[in-house]
Amino acid sequence: MAVAARKEWKREVKRKAIKYKRPNLYIACEEINFIWQEKAVEEFREMWREGYSIHEMAEYFQRGTDEVMILAMDQSRHHHIKSRPGGVWGI
């Protein structure tokens, strides 16, 4: 499901690039997977509260640290996680 959703997202981005006649459009972080299962997001929030580092969470979820960092940024912006001692590095 996540792969199909990502492919659809890429098609939509390319469609918009064509619509706005910007053939030399650069898409930042295109290779990063921004899609997460809701259960994994809940696990992330719990691990964040428990003080796990971004590196530990990346290993647990078998994802890149960039992907986990983007999720942390997203969750912080939506007020689902709070600042903590040690920041992204954990306790």
C-alpha atoms as a PDB file:
ATOM      1  CA  MET A   1       0.000   0.000   0.000  1.00  0.00           C
ATOM      2  CA  ALA A   2       2.731   2.484   0.934  1.00  0.00           C
ATOM      3  CA  VAL A   3       4.598   1.856  -2.317  1.00  0.00           C
ATOM      4  CA  ALA A   4       1.443   2.406  -4.373  1.00  0.00           C
ATOM      5  CA  ALA A   5       0.656   5.603  -2.475  1.00  0.00           C
ATOM      6  CA  ARG A   6       4.194   6.903  -3.016  1.00  0.00           C
ATOM      7  CA  LYS A   7       4.013   6.165  -6.753  1.00  0.00           C
ATOM      8  CA  GLU A   8       0.691   8.015  -6.932  1.00  0.00           C
ATOM      9  CA  TRP A   9       2.224  10.966  -5.073  1.00  0.00           C
ATOM     10  CA  LYS A  10       5.140  11.071  -7.538  1.00  0.00           C
ATOM     11  CA  ARG A  11       2.721  11.005 -10.488  1.00  0.00           C
ATOM     12  CA  GLU A  12       0.768  13.877  -8.945  1.00  0.00           C
ATOM     13  CA  VAL A  13       3.924  15.959  -8.415  1.00  0.00           C
ATOM     14  CA  LYS A  14       4.994  15.380 -12.013  1.00  0.00           C
ATOM     15  CA  ARG A  15       1.499  16.227 -13.261  1.00  0.00           C
ATOM     16  CA  LYS A  16       1.616  19.524 -11.372  1.00  0.00           C
ATOM     17  CA  ALA A  17       5.091  20.265 -12.751  1.00  0.00           C
ATOM     18  CA  ILE A  18       3.748  19.827 -16.276  1.00  0.00           C
ATOM     19  CA  LYS A  19       0.644  21.891 -15.452  1.00  0.00           C
ATOM     20  CA  TYR A  20       2.788  24.813 -14.321  1.00  0.00           C
ATOM     21  CA  LYS A  21       5.207  24.340 -17.241  1.00  0.00           C
ATOM     22  CA  ARG A  22       8.251  23.862 -15.055  1.00  0.00           C
ATOM     23  CA  PRO A  23      10.084  21.022 -16.766  1.00  0.00           C
ATOM     24  CA  ASN A  24      13.292  21.694 -14.803  1.00  0.00           C
ATOM     25  CA  LEU A  25      11.586  21.300 -11.449  1.00  0.00           C
ATOM     26  CA  TYR A  26      13.759  19.933  -8.636  1.00  0.00           C
ATOM     27  CA  ILE A  27      11.994  17.871  -5.982  1.00  0.00           C
ATOM     28  CA  ALA A  28      13.885  17.911  -2.676  1.00  0.00           C
ATOM     29  CA  CYS A  29      14.165  14.619  -0.792  1.00  0.00           C
ATOM     30  CA  GLU A  30      12.273  12.709  -3.463  1.00  0.00           C
ATOM     31  CA  GLU A  31      14.017   9.503  -2.409  1.00  0.00           C
ATOM     32  CA  ILE A  32      12.801   9.752   1.203  1.00  0.00           C
ATOM     33  CA  ASN A  33       9.725   7.739   2.126  1.00  0.00           C
ATOM     34  CA  PHE A  34       7.328  10.064   3.966  1.00  0.00           C
ATOM     35  CA  ILE A  35       4.595   7.440   4.343  1.00  0.00           C
ATOM     36  CA  TRP A  36       4.041   5.796   7.738  1.00  0.00           C
ATOM     37  CA  GLN A  37       1.437   3.372   9.037  1.00  0.00           C
ATOM     38  CA  GLU A  38      -0.622   4.923  11.844  1.00  0.00           C
ATOM     39  CA  LYS A  39       0.445   2.138  14.246  1.00  0.00           C
ATOM     40  CA  ALA A  40       4.114   2.945  13.562  1.00  0.00           C
ATOM     41  CA  VAL A  41       3.449   6.640  14.260  1.00  0.00           C
ATOM     42  CA  GLU A  42       1.897   5.712  17.609  1.00  0.00           C
ATOM     43  CA  GLU A  43       4.922   3.529  18.383  1.00  0.00           C
ATOM     44  CA  PHE A  44       7.201   6.410  17.400  1.00  0.00           C
ATOM     45  CA  ARG A  45       5.408   8.742  19.833  1.00  0.00           C
ATOM     46  CA  GLU A  46       5.779   6.235  22.670  1.00  0.00           C
ATOM     47  CA  MET A  47       9.451   5.655  21.890  1.00  0.00           C
ATOM     48  CA  TRP A  48       9.987   9.424  21.785  1.00  0.00           C
ATOM     49  CA  ARG A  49       8.429   9.787  25.251  1.00  0.00           C
ATOM     50  CA  GLU A  50      10.606   6.939  26.529  1.00  0.00           C
ATOM     51  CA  GLY A  51      13.759   8.709  25.307  1.00  0.00           C
ATOM     52  CA  TYR A  52      14.857   6.530  22.376  1.00  0.00           C
ATOM     53  CA  SER A  53      17.234   8.284  19.988  1.00  0.00           C
ATOM     54  CA  ILE A  54      16.485   8.890  16.320  1.00  0.00           C
ATOM     55  CA  HIS A  55      19.154   6.296  15.469  1.00  0.00           C
ATOM     56  CA  GLU A  56      17.594   3.672  17.749  1.00  0.00           C
ATOM     57  CA  MET A  57      14.156   4.319  16.274  1.00  0.00           C
ATOM     58  CA  ALA A  58      15.496   4.135  12.716  1.00  0.00           C
ATOM     59  CA  GLU A  59      16.972   0.744  13.502  1.00  0.00           C
ATOM     60  CA  TYR A  60      13.733  -0.425  15.153  1.00  0.00           C
ATOM     61  CA  PHE A  61      11.560   0.677  12.215  1.00  0.00           C
ATOM     62  CA  GLN A  62      14.187  -0.451   9.672  1.00  0.00           C
ATOM     63  CA  ARG A  63      14.147   2.981   8.067  1.00  0.00           C
ATOM     64  CA  GLY A  64      16.674   5.701   7.411  1.00  0.00           C
ATOM     65  CA  THR A  65      17.443   8.265  10.095  1.00  0.00           C
ATOM     66  CA  ASP A  66      16.283  10.992   7.680  1.00  0.00           C
ATOM     67  CA  GLU A  67      12.841   9.376   7.485  1.00  0.00           C
ATOM     68  CA  VAL A  68      12.540   9.197  11.276  1.00  0.00           C
ATOM     69  CA  MET A  69      13.833  12.774  11.612  1.00  0.00           C
ATOM     70  CA  ILE A  70      11.170  14.011   9.171  1.00  0.00           C
ATOM     71  CA  LEU A  71       8.506  12.171  11.182  1.00  0.00           C
ATOM     72  CA  ALA A  72       9.822  13.791  14.388  1.00  0.00           C
ATOM     73  CA  MET A  73       9.641  17.215  12.749  1.00  0.00           C
ATOM     74  CA  ASP A  74       6.097  16.514  11.541  1.00  0.00           C
ATOM     75  CA  GLN A  75       4.944  15.252  14.925  1.00  0.00           C
ATOM     76  CA  SER A  76       6.481  18.247  16.686  1.00  0.00           C
ATOM     77  CA  ARG A  77       4.823  20.709  14.286  1.00  0.00           C
ATOM     78  CA  HIS A  78       1.469  19.048  14.973  1.00  0.00           C
ATOM     79  CA  HIS A  79       2.126  19.107  18.750  1.00  0.00           C
ATOM     80  CA  HIS A  80       2.062  15.300  19.106  1.00  0.00           C
ATOM     81  CA  ILE A  81       5.512  15.189  20.715  1.00  0.00           C
ATOM     82  CA  LYS A  82       7.267  17.644  23.013  1.00  0.00           C
ATOM     83  CA  SER A  83      10.841  18.785  23.448  1.00  0.00           C
ATOM     84  CA  ARG A  84      12.799  16.444  25.669  1.00  0.00           C
ATOM     85  CA  PRO A  85      16.171  16.258  27.394  1.00  0.00           C
ATOM     86  CA  GLY A  86      18.748  15.330  24.786  1.00  0.00           C
ATOM     87  CA  GLY A  87      16.496  16.414  21.882  1.00  0.00           C
ATOM     88  CA  VAL A  88      16.632  14.046  18.917  1.00  0.00           C
ATOM     89  CA  TRP A  89      19.522  12.167  20.511  1.00  0.00           C
ATOM     90  CA  GLY A  90      17.325  10.997  23.371  1.00  0.00           C
ATOM     91  CA  ILE A  91      17.992  10.824  27.065  1.00  0.00           C
END
